Amino acid sequence: MHCVVVVLACLSLAACPSVIYQFHDSASPPAPATETSSETLSPGTEDTAAWPPPPTPTEGAVELCFDGVVSGAETDVDCGGPACPPCGPGQKCAGPWDCLDDLCIDNLCGLPPQCRVAEDCPPAPCRESLCDDEQCVYLDLDGIKCDDGDLCTDSDTCIAGQCLGSPRECGGFDGPCQQGFCNPNSGNCAIEFMNDGEPCEDGLTCTSGDFCAQGQCVGKPGPVWLTDFNDPGGWVFDPPWMIGPAIASACAANGFEDPPEDHSPDGENTLAGAEIGGCLPSEPLPDGACLTSPPIDALQLPAPVVLLYWSQLSAAPLPLRKPSSARVEVWSGKAWNSVFESKNEPFDEPEWTPHLIDITPFLNSALMVRFCHHHPEPGLPPVAGWSVDDVYIGPPECQPP
């Protein structure tokens, strides 16, 4: 055991610094005397900010800084001291060198001042800014409207301090070959094509092999039959029936004339009619004065099957009330069956009129339709007769517009 005696002596000269003398017993070697420029030595707690940080160890083992406990020269768990990372706010420190923000107050790392008044704090859309002890704190403002800056959200509202909106609904544009999405640059719904070339279902029984193409589900036309009379193609017409360009008539018996234009939208202006541009003859017309279609293999058509045609018809009765008619008939494979007939009575269609007739009971491999005029006696007044266009046979859902 040894003891150390320290004696402070102050020379009488005012310019002399304080001198520390250390006396040791013979058990330990004396250390050199230390001279300091400090005028006084105060036994109290020093301001650590005025002292330089301890030197970083250069020799020996450096303490482990990630062992989860305070060890070596650390001031807190795995931080502080000359070898470990600086400590964060609220962790223990010996001086500013131990702290991430170089601020050690009452041996705890602190935060640098952020504000003096609330206006110094950065604004937030859904939070109220406050300055508390030179630190910015925020109170959540819930339930108020806000703007999250996203064009693709609606009903933006403050929730838990955040401005949140509901995604814009674009599902109305979804389909088997496309999906709707919100364009972030405009906020408008847009369409993205999908599944090009992949099979799909267009919902039409009259198409087959449906597939996606440029966002649309398209299929090959099924077995339907349609004519606009641009090509007579197998039609048989007995006088006064003919196929040709539409020409207005000037019969004037009832004020209804042959149309100056056909019904088709293709611009060809071709139709079938009885005396196109003229009047029905006043002499008798035999029962078989008809416009007859070519045979159709209707067994390939998916049932039900309809006959659709457009017509303008002007008919008048005979003076003697003899049976006269305008009728439509369908060949069943065994006989002609009347599906429409105007019997010796006025019948006027001043404009193009559609007629839809179910012919499913008559389907066969050589189905035909025909349009017939008949008046057995002379004396028919001057009337325009019948004009027919756009004859369709097939499923009702596949008929042309």
Protein backbone atom coordinates (compact mmCIF):
# COMPACT_ATOMS: atom_id res chain seq x y z
CA MET A 1 0.00 0.00 0.00
CA HIS A 2 1.15 3.49 -0.75
CA CYS A 3 -0.18 6.95 -0.27
CA VAL A 4 0.00 10.13 -2.32
CA VAL A 5 0.21 13.58 -0.84
CA VAL A 6 -0.65 16.54 -3.01
CA VAL A 7 0.42 19.96 -1.94
CA LEU A 8 -0.65 23.12 -3.70
CA ALA A 9 1.72 25.99 -3.37
CA CYS A 10 1.17 29.39 -4.79
CA LEU A 11 4.08 31.60 -5.30
CA SER A 12 3.80 35.09 -4.17
CA LEU A 13 4.45 36.40 -7.64
CA ALA A 14 1.19 37.25 -9.39
CA ALA A 15 2.43 35.93 -12.70
CA CYS A 16 3.24 32.50 -11.40
CA PRO A 17 0.81 29.70 -12.29
CA SER A 18 -0.46 27.17 -9.82
CA VAL A 19 1.92 24.27 -9.28
CA ILE A 20 0.90 20.76 -8.21
CA TYR A 21 3.40 18.73 -6.21
CA GLN A 22 2.89 15.01 -5.74
CA PHE A 23 4.75 12.96 -3.13
CA HIS A 24 4.92 9.17 -3.31
CA ASP A 25 6.22 6.59 -0.95
CA SER A 26 8.89 4.20 -2.03
CA ALA A 27 6.37 1.56 -3.10
CA SER A 28 5.66 3.31 -6.42
CA PRO A 29 7.73 5.41 -8.78
CA PRO A 30 7.05 9.10 -8.78
CA ALA A 31 5.16 10.64 -11.66
CA PRO A 32 6.31 13.90 -13.18
CA ALA A 33 4.72 17.00 -11.77
CA THR A 34 1.94 18.53 -13.84
CA GLU A 35 1.78 22.20 -14.54
CA THR A 36 -1.55 23.77 -15.55
CA SER A 37 -2.50 27.14 -16.89
CA SER A 38 -5.80 27.14 -15.00
CA GLU A 39 -5.96 29.87 -12.42
CA THR A 40 -8.15 27.77 -10.10
CA LEU A 41 -9.27 24.22 -9.69
CA SER A 42 -12.88 23.99 -8.71
CA PRO A 43 -13.96 20.75 -7.04
CA GLY A 44 -17.52 21.03 -8.53
CA THR A 45 -19.00 19.47 -11.74
CA GLU A 46 -17.34 20.85 -14.89
CA ASP A 47 -19.19 21.96 -18.07
CA THR A 48 -18.47 19.00 -20.33
CA ALA A 49 -18.91 21.15 -23.42
CA ALA A 50 -15.70 22.99 -22.51
CA TRP A 51 -13.63 19.84 -22.48
CA PRO A 52 -12.25 18.08 -25.52
CA PRO A 53 -13.53 14.53 -26.25
CA PRO A 54 -11.50 11.62 -24.95
CA PRO A 55 -8.98 10.28 -27.44
CA THR A 56 -9.95 7.37 -29.65
CA PRO A 57 -8.07 4.30 -28.50
CA THR A 58 -5.33 3.29 -30.88
CA GLU A 59 -3.93 0.34 -29.01
CA GLY A 60 -5.51 -2.75 -27.55
CA ALA A 61 -8.89 -4.28 -28.25
CA VAL A 62 -11.73 -1.92 -29.16
CA GLU A 63 -14.83 -2.71 -27.11
CA LEU A 64 -17.71 -4.44 -28.85
CA CYS A 65 -20.30 -1.83 -29.91
CA PHE A 66 -23.09 -4.21 -30.88
CA ASP A 67 -23.31 -6.61 -27.96
CA GLY A 68 -26.61 -5.19 -26.63
CA VAL A 69 -25.21 -4.03 -23.26
CA VAL A 70 -23.31 -1.05 -21.92
CA SER A 71 -19.68 -2.07 -22.01
CA GLY A 72 -16.26 -0.48 -22.07
CA ALA A 73 -16.35 3.28 -22.50
CA GLU A 74 -19.92 3.30 -23.86
CA THR A 75 -22.23 5.84 -22.25
CA ASP A 76 -25.35 3.92 -23.27
CA VAL A 77 -26.16 0.62 -24.94
CA ASP A 78 -23.83 0.23 -27.95
CA CYS A 79 -23.21 3.97 -28.32
CA GLY A 80 -21.03 6.76 -27.01
CA GLY A 81 -17.40 6.72 -26.03
CA PRO A 82 -14.41 7.02 -28.31
CA ALA A 83 -15.03 3.82 -30.30
CA CYS A 84 -18.82 3.42 -30.73
CA PRO A 85 -21.37 5.37 -32.82
CA PRO A 86 -22.86 8.50 -31.24
CA CYS A 87 -26.01 8.18 -29.15
CA GLY A 88 -29.44 9.39 -30.15
CA PRO A 89 -31.78 11.75 -28.29
CA GLY A 90 -32.61 10.58 -24.76
CA GLN A 91 -29.59 8.30 -24.42
CA LYS A 92 -26.87 8.90 -21.84
CA CYS A 93 -23.79 10.93 -22.65
CA ALA A 94 -20.65 12.29 -21.02
CA GLY A 95 -20.16 15.13 -23.44
CA PRO A 96 -21.37 16.46 -26.79
CA TRP A 97 -18.98 14.11 -28.60
CA ASP A 98 -21.17 11.20 -27.48
CA CYS A 99 -24.33 12.58 -29.17
CA LEU A 100 -25.54 12.41 -32.74
CA ASP A 101 -26.57 16.07 -32.64
CA ASP A 102 -23.59 17.24 -30.52
CA LEU A 103 -25.95 18.25 -27.72
CA CYS A 104 -25.48 16.75 -24.22
CA ILE A 105 -27.70 18.23 -21.50
CA ASP A 106 -27.69 16.81 -17.98
CA ASN A 107 -25.90 13.73 -19.31
CA LEU A 108 -28.66 13.03 -21.85
CA CYS A 109 -28.42 13.55 -25.59
CA GLY A 110 -30.91 16.15 -26.77
CA LEU A 111 -32.39 17.52 -29.97
CA PRO A 112 -31.36 20.81 -31.53
CA PRO A 113 -34.02 23.54 -31.33
CA GLN A 114 -36.61 23.33 -34.11
CA CYS A 115 -38.84 26.30 -33.45
CA ARG A 116 -39.68 29.29 -31.32
CA VAL A 117 -43.30 29.65 -32.51
CA ALA A 118 -45.68 27.24 -34.24
CA GLU A 119 -45.20 29.04 -37.56
CA ASP A 120 -41.59 27.82 -37.59
CA CYS A 121 -42.79 24.22 -38.00
CA PRO A 122 -43.36 22.79 -41.51
CA PRO A 123 -47.10 22.70 -42.33
CA ALA A 124 -48.91 19.40 -42.87
CA PRO A 125 -52.34 19.06 -44.56
CA CYS A 126 -53.95 16.97 -41.83
CA ARG A 127 -52.04 18.07 -38.72
CA GLU A 128 -51.99 21.19 -36.54
CA SER A 129 -48.45 22.46 -35.87
CA LEU A 130 -47.40 23.38 -32.32
CA CYS A 131 -44.07 24.48 -30.84
CA ASP A 132 -43.44 22.79 -27.50
CA ASP A 133 -40.12 23.31 -25.69
CA GLU A 134 -38.49 24.37 -28.98
CA GLN A 135 -39.64 21.13 -30.66
CA CYS A 136 -42.30 20.82 -33.37
CA VAL A 137 -45.21 18.63 -32.36
CA TYR A 138 -48.37 17.91 -34.34
CA LEU A 139 -52.01 17.19 -33.52
CA ASP A 140 -53.98 15.03 -35.97
CA LEU A 141 -56.96 16.70 -37.65
CA ASP A 142 -59.38 13.92 -38.62
CA GLY A 143 -62.54 14.06 -40.71
CA ILE A 144 -61.85 17.27 -42.62
CA LYS A 145 -61.54 17.52 -46.39
CA CYS A 146 -58.07 17.70 -47.87
CA ASP A 147 -56.18 17.22 -51.12
CA ASP A 148 -53.72 14.35 -51.34
CA GLY A 149 -52.37 15.59 -54.67
CA ASP A 150 -53.42 12.38 -56.43
CA LEU A 151 -55.73 13.00 -59.41
CA CYS A 152 -56.89 9.38 -59.25
CA THR A 153 -58.49 9.55 -55.80
CA ASP A 154 -61.85 10.94 -54.74
CA SER A 155 -63.34 12.15 -51.44
CA ASP A 156 -59.94 13.00 -49.91
CA THR A 157 -60.29 13.13 -46.11
CA CYS A 158 -57.92 13.47 -43.14
CA ILE A 159 -57.58 10.14 -41.33
CA ALA A 160 -55.07 9.60 -38.49
CA GLY A 161 -53.07 12.62 -39.61
CA GLN A 162 -52.88 11.54 -43.25
CA CYS A 163 -54.77 12.78 -46.29
CA LEU A 164 -56.35 9.68 -47.82
CA GLY A 165 -58.73 9.27 -50.76
CA SER A 166 -60.69 6.45 -52.36
CA PRO A 167 -59.34 5.14 -55.68
CA ARG A 168 -61.31 6.48 -58.65
CA GLU A 169 -63.73 3.84 -59.94
CA CYS A 170 -63.10 2.92 -63.58
CA GLY A 171 -64.59 -0.58 -63.49
CA GLY A 172 -67.39 0.47 -65.83
CA PHE A 173 -64.91 0.16 -68.68
CA ASP A 174 -63.96 -3.44 -67.85
CA GLY A 175 -64.71 -6.20 -70.31
CA PRO A 176 -63.41 -9.58 -71.43
CA CYS A 177 -60.73 -7.89 -73.54
CA GLN A 178 -60.08 -4.63 -71.71
CA GLN A 179 -59.93 -3.06 -68.28
CA GLY A 180 -60.45 0.46 -67.05
CA PHE A 181 -57.82 2.38 -65.10
CA CYS A 182 -57.26 5.93 -63.93
CA ASN A 183 -54.69 7.95 -65.88
CA PRO A 184 -52.50 9.58 -63.19
CA ASN A 185 -51.65 12.50 -65.50
CA SER A 186 -55.25 13.56 -66.11
CA GLY A 187 -57.37 11.82 -63.49
CA ASN A 188 -59.64 10.49 -66.27
CA CYS A 189 -60.57 6.86 -66.77
CA ALA A 190 -58.77 5.17 -69.62
CA ILE A 191 -58.83 1.72 -71.20
CA GLU A 192 -56.06 -0.83 -71.38
CA PHE A 193 -56.39 -3.60 -73.96
CA MET A 194 -55.82 -7.13 -72.68
CA ASN A 195 -55.60 -10.70 -73.89
CA ASP A 196 -55.12 -9.93 -77.59
CA GLY A 197 -55.58 -13.14 -79.55
CA GLU A 198 -57.00 -15.00 -76.55
CA PRO A 199 -60.44 -16.69 -76.67
CA CYS A 200 -63.42 -14.76 -75.28
CA GLU A 201 -67.22 -14.81 -75.40
CA ASP A 202 -69.11 -11.99 -77.13
CA GLY A 203 -72.49 -13.25 -75.92
CA LEU A 204 -73.85 -13.71 -79.44
CA THR A 205 -75.03 -17.13 -80.50
CA CYS A 206 -74.60 -16.18 -84.16
CA THR A 207 -70.81 -15.88 -83.98
CA SER A 208 -68.12 -18.49 -83.47
CA GLY A 209 -64.40 -18.56 -82.69
CA ASP A 210 -64.62 -15.39 -80.58
CA PHE A 211 -61.25 -13.82 -79.69
CA CYS A 212 -59.86 -10.56 -78.27
CA ALA A 213 -58.67 -7.94 -80.76
CA GLN A 214 -57.81 -4.36 -79.74
CA GLY A 215 -60.00 -4.52 -76.66
CA GLN A 216 -63.01 -5.98 -78.45
CA CYS A 217 -64.36 -9.53 -78.35
CA VAL A 218 -65.02 -10.40 -81.97
CA GLY A 219 -66.18 -13.56 -83.66
CA LYS A 220 -66.68 -14.91 -87.11
CA PRO A 221 -70.22 -14.46 -88.46
CA GLY A 222 -72.32 -17.54 -88.01
CA PRO A 223 -74.53 -19.15 -90.64
CA VAL A 224 -77.00 -16.37 -91.48
CA TRP A 225 -78.44 -15.27 -94.80
CA LEU A 226 -78.77 -11.65 -95.89
CA THR A 227 -79.32 -9.89 -99.20
CA ASP A 228 -79.55 -6.22 -100.12
CA PHE A 229 -80.22 -7.02 -103.81
CA ASN A 230 -76.96 -5.45 -105.02
CA ASP A 231 -76.37 -8.91 -106.54
CA PRO A 232 -79.55 -10.71 -107.70
CA GLY A 233 -77.69 -13.97 -106.89
CA GLY A 234 -80.28 -16.68 -107.60
CA TRP A 235 -83.47 -14.69 -107.02
CA VAL A 236 -86.28 -15.53 -109.45
CA PHE A 237 -88.72 -12.73 -110.29
CA ASP A 238 -91.95 -13.05 -112.28
CA PRO A 239 -93.43 -9.95 -113.96
CA PRO A 240 -94.07 -7.33 -112.74
CA TRP A 241 -91.28 -8.03 -110.20
CA MET A 242 -87.79 -6.72 -110.94
CA ILE A 243 -84.47 -5.92 -109.22
CA GLY A 244 -82.74 -2.61 -109.91
CA PRO A 245 -82.13 0.99 -108.84
CA ALA A 246 -84.77 2.70 -106.72
CA ILE A 247 -86.99 5.09 -108.73
CA ALA A 248 -89.90 7.14 -107.39
CA SER A 249 -93.27 6.45 -109.03
CA ALA A 250 -96.16 8.81 -109.86
CA CYS A 251 -99.27 6.69 -109.47
CA ALA A 252 -101.24 9.11 -107.25
CA ALA A 253 -104.19 6.80 -106.51
CA ASN A 254 -103.59 7.04 -102.78
CA GLY A 255 -100.62 9.37 -102.53
CA PHE A 256 -98.07 6.66 -101.70
CA GLU A 257 -95.31 6.08 -104.24
CA ASP A 258 -92.30 3.85 -104.84
CA PRO A 259 -89.34 5.13 -102.76
CA PRO A 260 -86.61 7.20 -104.46
CA GLU A 261 -83.95 5.48 -102.32
CA ASP A 262 -83.41 1.95 -101.06
CA HIS A 263 -83.16 1.01 -97.38
CA SER A 264 -79.54 -0.23 -97.33
CA PRO A 265 -76.87 2.14 -95.97
CA ASP A 266 -74.24 1.14 -98.57
CA GLY A 267 -75.16 3.78 -101.16
CA GLU A 268 -75.81 1.25 -103.96
CA ASN A 269 -79.51 2.25 -104.03
CA THR A 270 -80.67 -1.16 -105.28
CA LEU A 271 -83.90 -2.92 -104.28
CA ALA A 272 -86.54 -5.40 -105.45
CA GLY A 273 -89.97 -4.15 -106.46
CA ALA A 274 -93.10 -4.68 -108.51
CA GLU A 275 -92.85 -2.24 -111.43
CA ILE A 276 -90.02 -0.17 -109.92
CA GLY A 277 -90.79 3.50 -110.64
CA GLY A 278 -94.19 2.61 -112.13
CA CYS A 279 -97.68 1.45 -111.13
CA LEU A 280 -99.06 -2.06 -110.82
CA PRO A 281 -100.77 -3.13 -114.05
CA SER A 282 -104.54 -2.80 -114.10
CA GLU A 283 -104.96 -6.14 -115.89
CA PRO A 284 -105.15 -9.35 -113.82
CA LEU A 285 -102.02 -10.72 -112.13
CA PRO A 286 -101.81 -14.51 -111.74
CA ASP A 287 -101.49 -16.10 -108.33
CA GLY A 288 -97.86 -16.97 -108.99
CA ALA A 289 -96.53 -13.46 -109.76
CA CYS A 290 -93.79 -13.68 -107.13
CA LEU A 291 -90.24 -12.68 -106.20
CA THR A 292 -88.61 -15.94 -104.98
CA SER A 293 -85.34 -16.42 -103.07
CA PRO A 294 -82.75 -19.10 -103.83
CA PRO A 295 -82.89 -22.21 -101.58
CA ILE A 296 -81.19 -21.90 -98.18
CA ASP A 297 -79.93 -24.72 -95.96
CA ALA A 298 -81.71 -23.46 -92.84
CA LEU A 299 -80.81 -26.58 -90.82
CA GLN A 300 -77.39 -24.99 -90.22
CA LEU A 301 -78.99 -22.01 -88.49
CA PRO A 302 -79.28 -22.02 -84.67
CA ALA A 303 -82.92 -21.81 -83.62
CA PRO A 304 -84.96 -19.73 -83.28
CA VAL A 305 -84.84 -18.35 -86.82
CA VAL A 306 -86.64 -15.26 -88.04
CA LEU A 307 -87.37 -13.67 -91.40
CA LEU A 308 -86.71 -9.93 -91.35
CA TYR A 309 -87.40 -7.70 -94.33
CA TRP A 310 -87.98 -4.00 -94.97
CA SER A 311 -90.75 -2.88 -97.29
CA GLN A 312 -92.90 -0.04 -98.60
CA LEU A 313 -96.27 -1.39 -99.72
CA SER A 314 -99.15 0.43 -101.35
CA ALA A 315 -102.15 -1.81 -102.12
CA ALA A 316 -105.80 -1.17 -102.99
CA PRO A 317 -108.90 -3.43 -103.26
CA LEU A 318 -110.54 -4.29 -106.56
CA PRO A 319 -113.81 -2.48 -107.32
CA LEU A 320 -115.72 -5.74 -107.29
CA ARG A 321 -114.10 -6.87 -104.04
CA LYS A 322 -112.60 -9.89 -105.75
CA PRO A 323 -109.84 -11.53 -103.70
CA SER A 324 -106.56 -9.69 -104.26
CA SER A 325 -103.55 -9.92 -102.04
CA ALA A 326 -99.95 -9.08 -101.21
CA ARG A 327 -98.47 -11.97 -99.32
CA VAL A 328 -95.22 -13.52 -97.99
CA GLU A 329 -94.79 -17.30 -98.12
CA VAL A 330 -92.16 -19.74 -96.79
CA TRP A 331 -91.29 -23.10 -98.36
CA SER A 332 -91.23 -25.84 -95.69
CA GLY A 333 -89.78 -28.50 -97.99
CA LYS A 334 -93.25 -29.78 -98.86
CA ALA A 335 -95.50 -26.76 -99.38
CA TRP A 336 -95.69 -22.98 -99.44
CA ASN A 337 -96.95 -21.53 -96.15
CA SER A 338 -98.35 -18.00 -95.89
CA VAL A 339 -96.79 -15.96 -93.06
CA PHE A 340 -98.20 -12.55 -94.09
CA GLU A 341 -101.13 -11.56 -96.33
CA SER A 342 -103.09 -8.44 -97.20
CA LYS A 343 -106.45 -9.65 -98.55
CA ASN A 344 -108.29 -7.20 -100.83
CA GLU A 345 -107.94 -4.32 -98.37
CA PRO A 346 -106.06 -1.03 -98.35
CA PHE A 347 -102.55 -1.43 -97.02
CA ASP A 348 -100.15 1.48 -97.03
CA GLU A 349 -96.56 1.84 -95.78
CA PRO A 350 -95.46 5.39 -96.60
CA GLU A 351 -91.87 4.76 -95.46
CA TRP A 352 -89.49 1.84 -95.00
CA THR A 353 -91.06 -0.50 -92.44
CA PRO A 354 -89.45 -3.58 -90.81
CA HIS A 355 -91.30 -6.90 -90.59
CA LEU A 356 -90.08 -9.67 -88.26
CA ILE A 357 -91.63 -13.14 -88.63
CA ASP A 358 -90.72 -16.36 -86.78
CA ILE A 359 -90.13 -19.09 -89.38
CA THR A 360 -88.60 -21.70 -87.04
CA PRO A 361 -91.41 -24.26 -87.75
CA PHE A 362 -90.51 -24.29 -91.45
CA LEU A 363 -86.75 -24.92 -91.26
CA ASN A 364 -85.44 -27.38 -93.84
CA SER A 365 -82.41 -27.91 -96.04
CA ALA A 366 -83.94 -26.00 -98.98
CA LEU A 367 -85.93 -23.23 -97.32
CA MET A 368 -87.18 -20.42 -99.61
CA VAL A 369 -89.21 -17.23 -99.14
CA ARG A 370 -91.26 -15.38 -101.73
CA PHE A 371 -93.18 -12.11 -102.07
CA CYS A 372 -96.30 -12.27 -104.26
CA HIS A 373 -98.83 -9.85 -105.79
CA HIS A 374 -102.19 -11.24 -106.95
CA HIS A 375 -105.36 -9.68 -108.38
CA PRO A 376 -107.57 -11.92 -110.53
CA GLU A 377 -109.75 -9.22 -112.14
CA PRO A 378 -108.95 -6.12 -114.19
CA GLY A 379 -109.64 -2.60 -112.92
CA LEU A 380 -106.97 -2.17 -110.24
CA PRO A 381 -106.54 1.55 -109.57
CA PRO A 382 -103.04 3.02 -110.16
CA VAL A 383 -101.03 2.10 -107.05
CA ALA A 384 -97.25 1.81 -106.58
CA GLY A 385 -97.26 -1.76 -105.28
CA TRP A 386 -94.47 -3.38 -103.27
CA SER A 387 -90.79 -2.44 -102.71
CA VAL A 388 -88.59 -4.86 -100.70
CA ASP A 389 -85.01 -4.56 -99.38
CA ASP A 390 -82.54 -6.06 -96.87
CA VAL A 391 -84.00 -9.55 -96.46
CA TYR A 392 -82.45 -11.44 -93.51
CA ILE A 393 -82.86 -15.05 -92.32
CA GLY A 394 -81.14 -16.11 -89.09
CA PRO A 395 -81.20 -15.84 -85.27
CA PRO A 396 -83.02 -12.72 -84.03
CA GLU A 397 -80.03 -11.45 -82.04
CA CYS A 398 -77.85 -11.40 -85.16
CA GLN A 399 -80.08 -9.31 -87.36
CA PRO A 400 -78.44 -6.24 -88.91
CA PRO A 401 -79.20 -2.82 -87.43
